[in-house]
């Protein structure tokens, strides 16, 4: 996410809502946009959640560079990084494999079907 240095010397950026609206206009339909901040200010990164249909509930990291938007699906190596993105993911998210996500979906579906009858 674009950020700029303010009078205090700290980088600040736009709210997650601005990026969420931008991505929605481009038909990505994010459900949440969480800009990543620390004691130094805005990092220029955000973790974006998409609906299950578009990304198997995986989180995608998006950032601007030279005015362009770049992103990737957060994976195990991102989760295990010692930098700001890794710390955020460890603090706010659980690391799950595709098979673990499929198992959770299977259990939820089974539970819903059982409750119907």
N, C-alpha and C. Protein backbone atom coordinates (compact mmCIF):
# COMPACT_ATOMS: atom_id res chain seq x y z
N UNK A 1 0.85 -1.17 0.00
CA UNK A 1 0.00 0.00 0.00
C UNK A 1 0.89 1.24 0.00
N UNK A 2 0.50 2.24 -0.74
CA UNK A 2 1.32 3.45 -0.74
C UNK A 2 1.34 4.10 0.64
N UNK A 3 2.50 4.61 1.00
CA UNK A 3 2.62 5.34 2.26
C UNK A 3 3.48 6.57 2.02
N UNK A 4 3.37 7.51 2.93
CA UNK A 4 4.19 8.71 2.83
C UNK A 4 4.67 9.09 4.22
N UNK A 5 5.78 9.78 4.27
CA UNK A 5 6.35 10.22 5.54
C UNK A 5 5.69 11.53 5.94
N UNK A 6 5.17 11.58 7.17
CA UNK A 6 4.53 12.81 7.67
C UNK A 6 5.53 13.60 8.50
N UNK A 7 5.10 14.74 9.02
CA UNK A 7 5.96 15.65 9.78
C UNK A 7 6.71 14.97 10.91
N UNK A 8 6.11 13.97 11.52
CA UNK A 8 6.75 13.28 12.64
C UNK A 8 7.86 12.35 12.18
N UNK A 9 7.99 12.16 10.85
CA UNK A 9 8.99 11.24 10.32
C UNK A 9 8.50 9.82 10.21
N UNK A 10 7.23 9.60 10.55
CA UNK A 10 6.64 8.27 10.54
C UNK A 10 5.87 8.04 9.24
N UNK A 11 6.03 6.85 8.62
CA UNK A 11 5.24 6.57 7.42
C UNK A 11 3.79 6.28 7.78
N UNK A 12 2.87 6.84 7.00
CA UNK A 12 1.45 6.57 7.17
C UNK A 12 0.89 6.20 5.80
N UNK A 13 -0.20 5.46 5.80
CA UNK A 13 -0.82 5.04 4.55
C UNK A 13 -2.31 5.17 4.63
N UNK A 14 -2.93 4.89 3.49
CA UNK A 14 -4.38 4.95 3.43
C UNK A 14 -4.99 3.84 4.26
N UNK A 15 -6.28 3.97 4.53
CA UNK A 15 -6.97 2.93 5.28
C UNK A 15 -7.15 1.69 4.40
N UNK A 16 -7.41 0.58 5.03
CA UNK A 16 -7.67 -0.65 4.30
C UNK A 16 -8.90 -0.54 3.42
N UNK A 17 -9.84 0.31 3.80
CA UNK A 17 -11.08 0.49 3.05
C UNK A 17 -10.80 1.02 1.64
N UNK A 18 -9.83 1.90 1.51
CA UNK A 18 -9.49 2.46 0.20
C UNK A 18 -9.01 1.34 -0.73
N UNK A 19 -8.11 0.50 -0.25
CA UNK A 19 -7.62 -0.61 -1.06
C UNK A 19 -8.72 -1.64 -1.31
N UNK A 20 -9.55 -1.88 -0.31
CA UNK A 20 -10.66 -2.82 -0.49
C UNK A 20 -11.59 -2.34 -1.60
N UNK A 21 -11.92 -1.06 -1.60
CA UNK A 21 -12.77 -0.51 -2.65
C UNK A 21 -12.11 -0.61 -4.02
N UNK A 22 -10.80 -0.34 -4.08
CA UNK A 22 -10.06 -0.44 -5.34
C UNK A 22 -10.09 -1.87 -5.87
N UNK A 23 -9.87 -2.84 -4.99
CA UNK A 23 -9.88 -4.24 -5.42
C UNK A 23 -11.28 -4.69 -5.80
N UNK A 24 -12.29 -4.20 -5.10
CA UNK A 24 -13.68 -4.55 -5.42
C UNK A 24 -14.04 -4.04 -6.81
N UNK A 25 -13.59 -2.84 -7.14
CA UNK A 25 -13.83 -2.29 -8.48
C UNK A 25 -13.22 -3.18 -9.56
N UNK A 26 -12.12 -3.86 -9.22
CA UNK A 26 -11.44 -4.73 -10.18
C UNK A 26 -11.94 -6.17 -10.08
N UNK A 27 -13.05 -6.39 -9.39
CA UNK A 27 -13.75 -7.68 -9.27
C UNK A 27 -12.97 -8.72 -8.48
N UNK A 28 -12.15 -8.31 -7.51
CA UNK A 28 -11.46 -9.27 -6.65
C UNK A 28 -12.29 -9.63 -5.42
N UNK A 29 -13.20 -8.77 -5.01
CA UNK A 29 -14.10 -9.00 -3.88
C UNK A 29 -13.41 -9.43 -2.58
N UNK A 30 -12.51 -8.62 -2.06
CA UNK A 30 -11.91 -8.95 -0.77
C UNK A 30 -12.93 -8.80 0.35
N UNK A 31 -12.82 -9.63 1.40
CA UNK A 31 -13.71 -9.50 2.55
C UNK A 31 -13.11 -8.61 3.62
N UNK A 32 -11.78 -8.57 3.72
CA UNK A 32 -11.10 -7.71 4.70
C UNK A 32 -9.76 -7.28 4.13
N UNK A 33 -9.36 -6.07 4.49
CA UNK A 33 -8.02 -5.57 4.17
C UNK A 33 -7.42 -5.06 5.46
N UNK A 34 -6.31 -5.65 5.86
CA UNK A 34 -5.65 -5.28 7.12
C UNK A 34 -4.27 -4.70 6.82
N UNK A 35 -4.13 -3.35 6.82
CA UNK A 35 -2.80 -2.76 6.66
C UNK A 35 -1.91 -3.19 7.84
N UNK A 36 -0.64 -3.41 7.57
CA UNK A 36 0.28 -3.85 8.62
C UNK A 36 1.08 -2.66 9.12
N UNK A 37 0.94 -2.39 10.42
CA UNK A 37 1.63 -1.29 11.10
C UNK A 37 2.49 -1.87 12.21
N UNK A 38 3.52 -1.14 12.58
CA UNK A 38 4.27 -1.45 13.79
C UNK A 38 4.67 -0.13 14.44
N UNK A 39 5.57 -0.19 15.40
CA UNK A 39 5.94 1.02 16.12
C UNK A 39 6.63 2.05 15.22
N UNK A 40 7.12 1.63 14.05
CA UNK A 40 7.76 2.55 13.12
C UNK A 40 6.76 3.22 12.19
N UNK A 41 5.53 2.71 12.14
CA UNK A 41 4.51 3.27 11.28
C UNK A 41 3.99 2.24 10.30
N UNK A 42 3.44 2.73 9.19
CA UNK A 42 2.85 1.87 8.17
C UNK A 42 3.97 1.17 7.39
N UNK A 43 3.83 -0.14 7.19
CA UNK A 43 4.88 -0.92 6.53
C UNK A 43 4.81 -0.88 5.01
N UNK A 44 3.67 -0.46 4.47
CA UNK A 44 3.48 -0.54 3.03
C UNK A 44 2.84 -1.85 2.59
N UNK A 45 2.60 -2.75 3.56
CA UNK A 45 1.99 -4.05 3.28
C UNK A 45 0.59 -4.11 3.88
N UNK A 46 -0.21 -5.02 3.31
CA UNK A 46 -1.53 -5.32 3.87
C UNK A 46 -1.80 -6.80 3.66
N UNK A 47 -2.53 -7.40 4.58
CA UNK A 47 -3.00 -8.77 4.41
C UNK A 47 -4.46 -8.66 4.01
N UNK A 48 -4.80 -9.33 2.92
CA UNK A 48 -6.14 -9.23 2.36
C UNK A 48 -6.80 -10.60 2.39
N UNK A 49 -8.01 -10.64 2.91
CA UNK A 49 -8.77 -11.88 2.94
C UNK A 49 -9.80 -11.86 1.82
N UNK A 50 -9.90 -12.99 1.13
CA UNK A 50 -10.87 -13.14 0.06
C UNK A 50 -11.88 -14.20 0.46
N UNK A 51 -12.99 -14.25 -0.26
CA UNK A 51 -13.98 -15.28 0.01
C UNK A 51 -13.38 -16.64 -0.28
N UNK A 52 -13.95 -17.64 0.31
CA UNK A 52 -13.48 -19.01 0.15
C UNK A 52 -13.42 -19.42 -1.32
N UNK A 53 -14.39 -19.02 -2.08
CA UNK A 53 -14.46 -19.40 -3.49
C UNK A 53 -13.24 -18.92 -4.26
N UNK A 54 -12.78 -17.71 -3.97
CA UNK A 54 -11.69 -17.16 -4.77
C UNK A 54 -10.30 -17.58 -4.31
N UNK A 55 -10.16 -18.05 -3.06
CA UNK A 55 -8.79 -18.34 -2.63
C UNK A 55 -8.68 -19.40 -1.54
N UNK A 56 -9.65 -20.26 -1.38
CA UNK A 56 -9.59 -21.30 -0.34
C UNK A 56 -9.28 -20.73 1.03
N UNK A 57 -9.78 -19.55 1.31
CA UNK A 57 -9.59 -18.86 2.59
C UNK A 57 -8.13 -18.53 2.90
N UNK A 58 -7.25 -18.61 1.91
CA UNK A 58 -5.87 -18.22 2.14
C UNK A 58 -5.78 -16.70 2.13
N UNK A 59 -4.79 -16.17 2.80
CA UNK A 59 -4.60 -14.74 2.85
C UNK A 59 -3.64 -14.33 1.74
N UNK A 60 -3.91 -13.22 1.12
CA UNK A 60 -3.03 -12.75 0.06
C UNK A 60 -2.41 -11.43 0.48
N UNK A 61 -1.10 -11.32 0.30
CA UNK A 61 -0.37 -10.10 0.61
C UNK A 61 -0.33 -9.24 -0.64
N UNK A 62 -0.66 -7.98 -0.50
CA UNK A 62 -0.69 -7.06 -1.63
C UNK A 62 0.18 -5.85 -1.27
N UNK A 63 0.97 -5.36 -2.19
CA UNK A 63 1.68 -4.10 -1.96
C UNK A 63 1.90 -3.36 -3.26
N UNK A 64 2.07 -2.05 -3.15
CA UNK A 64 2.36 -1.20 -4.30
C UNK A 64 3.87 -1.05 -4.42
N UNK A 65 4.37 -1.02 -5.63
CA UNK A 65 5.77 -0.70 -5.87
C UNK A 65 5.79 0.09 -7.17
N UNK A 66 6.38 1.26 -7.11
CA UNK A 66 6.42 2.14 -8.28
C UNK A 66 5.02 2.37 -8.84
N UNK A 67 4.04 2.53 -7.96
CA UNK A 67 2.68 2.80 -8.38
C UNK A 67 1.89 1.59 -8.84
N UNK A 68 2.50 0.41 -8.82
CA UNK A 68 1.84 -0.81 -9.26
C UNK A 68 1.47 -1.66 -8.05
N UNK A 69 0.41 -2.44 -8.17
CA UNK A 69 -0.05 -3.31 -7.10
C UNK A 69 0.51 -4.71 -7.33
N UNK A 70 1.18 -5.28 -6.33
CA UNK A 70 1.74 -6.62 -6.41
C UNK A 70 1.18 -7.47 -5.27
N UNK A 71 1.04 -8.75 -5.49
CA UNK A 71 0.52 -9.60 -4.43
C UNK A 71 0.95 -11.04 -4.59
N UNK A 72 0.79 -11.80 -3.52
CA UNK A 72 1.08 -13.22 -3.54
C UNK A 72 0.28 -13.89 -2.44
N UNK A 73 0.02 -15.16 -2.60
CA UNK A 73 -0.66 -15.91 -1.56
C UNK A 73 0.36 -16.24 -0.49
N UNK A 74 0.04 -15.90 0.75
CA UNK A 74 0.95 -16.17 1.86
C UNK A 74 1.09 -17.68 2.05
N UNK A 75 2.31 -18.11 2.12
CA UNK A 75 2.61 -19.53 2.29
C UNK A 75 3.45 -19.73 3.55
N UNK A 76 3.86 -20.95 3.77
CA UNK A 76 4.60 -21.30 4.97
C UNK A 76 5.85 -20.44 5.16
N UNK A 77 6.60 -20.21 4.07
CA UNK A 77 7.82 -19.41 4.22
C UNK A 77 7.50 -17.96 4.59
N UNK A 78 6.38 -17.41 4.11
CA UNK A 78 5.96 -16.06 4.52
C UNK A 78 5.58 -16.05 6.00
N UNK A 79 4.86 -17.08 6.41
CA UNK A 79 4.43 -17.21 7.80
C UNK A 79 5.63 -17.28 8.75
N UNK A 80 6.69 -17.94 8.30
CA UNK A 80 7.86 -18.15 9.15
C UNK A 80 8.91 -17.04 9.05
N UNK A 81 8.65 -16.00 8.27
CA UNK A 81 9.58 -14.88 8.19
C UNK A 81 9.68 -14.16 9.52
N UNK A 82 10.84 -13.56 9.77
CA UNK A 82 11.01 -12.82 11.02
C UNK A 82 10.62 -11.35 10.86
N UNK A 83 10.35 -10.90 9.64
CA UNK A 83 9.99 -9.50 9.39
C UNK A 83 8.55 -9.20 9.76
N UNK A 84 8.11 -8.02 9.38
CA UNK A 84 6.79 -7.52 9.78
C UNK A 84 5.65 -8.38 9.24
N UNK A 85 5.77 -8.89 8.01
CA UNK A 85 4.70 -9.72 7.44
C UNK A 85 4.60 -11.03 8.21
N UNK A 86 5.72 -11.71 8.45
CA UNK A 86 5.71 -12.96 9.20
C UNK A 86 5.18 -12.79 10.61
N UNK A 87 5.60 -11.72 11.27
CA UNK A 87 5.12 -11.46 12.64
C UNK A 87 3.61 -11.24 12.65
N UNK A 88 3.10 -10.48 11.67
CA UNK A 88 1.67 -10.23 11.58
C UNK A 88 0.91 -11.53 11.36
N UNK A 89 1.38 -12.34 10.41
CA UNK A 89 0.70 -13.59 10.10
C UNK A 89 0.67 -14.52 11.32
N UNK A 90 1.79 -14.62 12.03
CA UNK A 90 1.84 -15.49 13.22
C UNK A 90 0.89 -15.00 14.32
N UNK A 91 0.80 -13.68 14.46
CA UNK A 91 -0.03 -13.10 15.51
C UNK A 91 -1.52 -13.18 15.18
N UNK A 92 -1.88 -12.99 13.92
CA UNK A 92 -3.28 -12.84 13.54
C UNK A 92 -3.89 -14.03 12.81
N UNK A 93 -3.09 -14.95 12.30
CA UNK A 93 -3.60 -16.01 11.45
C UNK A 93 -3.03 -17.37 11.84
N UNK A 94 -3.76 -18.43 11.43
CA UNK A 94 -3.29 -19.79 11.61
C UNK A 94 -2.74 -20.30 10.29
N UNK A 95 -1.67 -21.06 10.35
CA UNK A 95 -1.09 -21.66 9.16
C UNK A 95 -1.75 -23.01 8.95
N UNK A 96 -2.39 -23.18 7.78
CA UNK A 96 -3.06 -24.43 7.45
C UNK A 96 -2.73 -24.83 6.03
N UNK A 97 -2.61 -26.13 5.82
CA UNK A 97 -2.38 -26.65 4.47
C UNK A 97 -3.72 -26.74 3.73
N UNK A 98 -3.65 -26.93 2.43
CA UNK A 98 -4.87 -27.09 1.63
C UNK A 98 -5.67 -28.29 2.16
N UNK A 99 -4.99 -29.39 2.46
CA UNK A 99 -5.70 -30.58 2.95
C UNK A 99 -6.36 -30.31 4.30
N UNK A 100 -5.72 -29.52 5.15
CA UNK A 100 -6.34 -29.16 6.43
C UNK A 100 -7.59 -28.29 6.21
N UNK A 101 -7.51 -27.36 5.27
CA UNK A 101 -8.68 -26.53 4.96
C UNK A 101 -9.81 -27.37 4.39
N UNK A 102 -9.48 -28.33 3.54
CA UNK A 102 -10.49 -29.21 2.97
C UNK A 102 -11.14 -30.06 4.06
N UNK A 103 -10.34 -30.52 5.02
CA UNK A 103 -10.87 -31.33 6.12
C UNK A 103 -11.83 -30.50 6.98
N UNK A 104 -11.47 -29.27 7.25
CA UNK A 104 -12.35 -28.38 8.02
C UNK A 104 -13.67 -28.18 7.27
N UNK A 105 -13.58 -27.91 5.97
CA UNK A 105 -14.80 -27.75 5.16
C UNK A 105 -15.65 -29.01 5.18
N UNK A 106 -15.01 -30.15 5.09
CA UNK A 106 -15.74 -31.43 5.11
C UNK A 106 -16.48 -31.61 6.43
N UNK A 107 -15.79 -31.32 7.55
CA UNK A 107 -16.42 -31.45 8.86
C UNK A 107 -17.58 -30.47 9.02
N UNK A 108 -17.40 -29.23 8.55
CA UNK A 108 -18.48 -28.25 8.65
C UNK A 108 -19.68 -28.65 7.82
N UNK A 109 -19.42 -29.15 6.62
CA UNK A 109 -20.52 -29.60 5.75
C UNK A 109 -21.26 -30.76 6.39
N UNK A 110 -20.52 -31.74 6.92
CA UNK A 110 -21.12 -32.88 7.58
C UNK A 110 -21.97 -32.43 8.77
N UNK A 111 -21.44 -31.50 9.54
CA UNK A 111 -22.15 -30.97 10.71
C UNK A 111 -23.45 -30.28 10.28
N UNK A 112 -23.39 -29.50 9.21
CA UNK A 112 -24.60 -28.84 8.71
C UNK A 112 -25.63 -29.84 8.23
N UNK A 113 -25.19 -30.86 7.50
CA UNK A 113 -26.11 -31.90 7.00
C UNK A 113 -26.74 -32.65 8.18
N UNK A 114 -25.95 -32.98 9.19
CA UNK A 114 -26.48 -33.68 10.36
C UNK A 114 -27.53 -32.84 11.08
N UNK A 115 -27.34 -31.54 11.13
CA UNK A 115 -28.28 -30.66 11.82
C UNK A 115 -29.56 -30.44 11.02
N UNK A 116 -29.52 -30.69 9.73
CA UNK A 116 -30.73 -30.57 8.92
C UNK A 116 -31.71 -31.67 9.26
N UNK A 117 -31.19 -32.86 9.53
CA UNK A 117 -32.05 -34.02 9.80
C UNK A 117 -32.27 -34.17 11.23
